[in-house]
Amino acid sequence: MKIDIGTLIMDGDKFGVVRNVIVAGTWSEEPLFNWTTSYEIAYFDGTVCIMTENSFHRLMEIGKIEVLA
């Protein structure tokens, strides 16, 4: 599932919105360039979280995060 800016989520009992998608790359030997994606999530209680794409999808798989829209 593709997660974009504006995606609404329920993270446990907290309602939030993805407000930024952060794509960063690092130079390495194999493969030559390695991309990492993270999401900046703003919760309606005022807290903010930066979560890697792998963590986000793992939490979706176990039902801790639900994508609402």
C-alpha atoms as a PDB file:
ATOM      1  CA  MET A   1       0.000   0.000   0.000  1.00  0.00           C
ATOM      2  CA  LYS A   2       1.334   3.429  -0.955  1.00  0.00           C
ATOM      3  CA  ILE A   3       1.337   5.946   1.882  1.00  0.00           C
ATOM      4  CA  ASP A   4       1.130   9.606   0.818  1.00  0.00           C
ATOM      5  CA  ILE A   5       0.998  12.986   2.512  1.00  0.00           C
ATOM      6  CA  GLY A   6      -2.486  13.425   3.936  1.00  0.00           C
ATOM      7  CA  THR A   7      -3.062   9.735   4.703  1.00  0.00           C
ATOM      8  CA  LEU A   8      -5.219   9.432   7.831  1.00  0.00           C
ATOM      9  CA  ILE A   9      -4.289   6.709  10.301  1.00  0.00           C
ATOM     10  CA  MET A  10      -5.407   5.235  13.606  1.00  0.00           C
ATOM     11  CA  ASP A  11      -2.358   4.252  15.658  1.00  0.00           C
ATOM     12  CA  GLY A  12      -3.725   2.340  18.610  1.00  0.00           C
ATOM     13  CA  ASP A  13      -6.028   4.929  20.194  1.00  0.00           C
ATOM     14  CA  LYS A  14      -4.377   7.957  18.511  1.00  0.00           C
ATOM     15  CA  PHE A  15      -5.695   9.596  15.334  1.00  0.00           C
ATOM     16  CA  GLY A  16      -3.026  11.013  13.037  1.00  0.00           C
ATOM     17  CA  VAL A  17      -2.123  12.215   9.560  1.00  0.00           C
ATOM     18  CA  VAL A  18       1.021  11.657   7.482  1.00  0.00           C
ATOM     19  CA  ARG A  19       2.314  15.172   6.921  1.00  0.00           C
ATOM     20  CA  ASN A  20       5.623  14.397   5.221  1.00  0.00           C
ATOM     21  CA  VAL A  21       7.295  11.552   3.333  1.00  0.00           C
ATOM     22  CA  ILE A  22      11.062  11.645   3.848  1.00  0.00           C
ATOM     23  CA  VAL A  23      13.192   9.871   1.245  1.00  0.00           C
ATOM     24  CA  ALA A  24      16.904   9.734   2.012  1.00  0.00           C
ATOM     25  CA  GLY A  25      19.741   7.950   0.279  1.00  0.00           C
ATOM     26  CA  THR A  26      23.130   6.715   1.359  1.00  0.00           C
ATOM     27  CA  TRP A  27      26.136   5.739  -0.695  1.00  0.00           C
ATOM     28  CA  SER A  28      27.271   2.166  -0.089  1.00  0.00           C
ATOM     29  CA  GLU A  29      29.371  -0.524  -1.779  1.00  0.00           C
ATOM     30  CA  GLU A  30      26.560  -2.979  -2.661  1.00  0.00           C
ATOM     31  CA  PRO A  31      24.168  -1.692  -3.964  1.00  0.00           C
ATOM     32  CA  LEU A  32      25.838   1.572  -4.884  1.00  0.00           C
ATOM     33  CA  PHE A  33      22.977   3.700  -3.591  1.00  0.00           C
ATOM     34  CA  ASN A  34      20.495   2.709  -0.879  1.00  0.00           C
ATOM     35  CA  TRP A  35      17.142   4.530  -0.412  1.00  0.00           C
ATOM     36  CA  THR A  36      15.274   4.773   2.895  1.00  0.00           C
ATOM     37  CA  THR A  37      11.739   6.123   3.302  1.00  0.00           C
ATOM     38  CA  SER A  38      10.293   7.470   6.548  1.00  0.00           C
ATOM     39  CA  TYR A  39       6.969   9.073   7.426  1.00  0.00           C
ATOM     40  CA  GLU A  40       6.387  12.116   9.613  1.00  0.00           C
ATOM     41  CA  ILE A  41       3.113  11.521  11.425  1.00  0.00           C
ATOM     42  CA  ALA A  42       1.320  14.333  13.272  1.00  0.00           C
ATOM     43  CA  TYR A  43      -1.167  13.130  15.852  1.00  0.00           C
ATOM     44  CA  PHE A  44      -4.194  15.161  16.853  1.00  0.00           C
ATOM     45  CA  ASP A  45      -3.026  15.180  20.485  1.00  0.00           C
ATOM     46  CA  GLY A  46      -0.074  17.368  19.365  1.00  0.00           C
ATOM     47  CA  THR A  47       2.660  14.721  19.238  1.00  0.00           C
ATOM     48  CA  VAL A  48       4.795  14.038  16.153  1.00  0.00           C
ATOM     49  CA  CYS A  49       6.535  10.795  15.179  1.00  0.00           C
ATOM     50  CA  ILE A  50       9.078   9.932  12.486  1.00  0.00           C
ATOM     51  CA  MET A  51       8.626   6.269  11.533  1.00  0.00           C
ATOM     52  CA  THR A  52      10.492   4.211   8.957  1.00  0.00           C
ATOM     53  CA  GLU A  53       8.507   2.639   6.136  1.00  0.00           C
ATOM     54  CA  ASN A  54       9.445  -0.871   7.315  1.00  0.00           C
ATOM     55  CA  SER A  55       8.200  -0.183  10.857  1.00  0.00           C
ATOM     56  CA  PHE A  56       4.999   1.401   9.545  1.00  0.00           C
ATOM     57  CA  HIS A  57       4.156  -1.596   7.349  1.00  0.00           C
ATOM     58  CA  ARG A  58       5.079  -4.090  10.086  1.00  0.00           C
ATOM     59  CA  LEU A  59       2.705  -2.328  12.515  1.00  0.00           C
ATOM     60  CA  MET A  60      -0.017  -2.391   9.835  1.00  0.00           C
ATOM     61  CA  GLU A  61       0.464  -6.143   9.406  1.00  0.00           C
ATOM     62  CA  ILE A  62      -0.046  -6.843  13.107  1.00  0.00           C
ATOM     63  CA  GLY A  63      -3.014  -4.464  13.330  1.00  0.00           C
ATOM     64  CA  LYS A  64      -1.454  -1.721  15.475  1.00  0.00           C
ATOM     65  CA  ILE A  65      -1.845   0.894  12.697  1.00  0.00           C
ATOM     66  CA  GLU A  66      -4.933   1.144  10.512  1.00  0.00           C
ATOM     67  CA  VAL A  67      -5.081   3.326   7.378  1.00  0.00           C
ATOM     68  CA  LEU A  68      -8.394   5.184   7.334  1.00  0.00           C
ATOM     69  CA  ALA A  69      -8.094   7.243   4.124  1.00  0.00           C
END
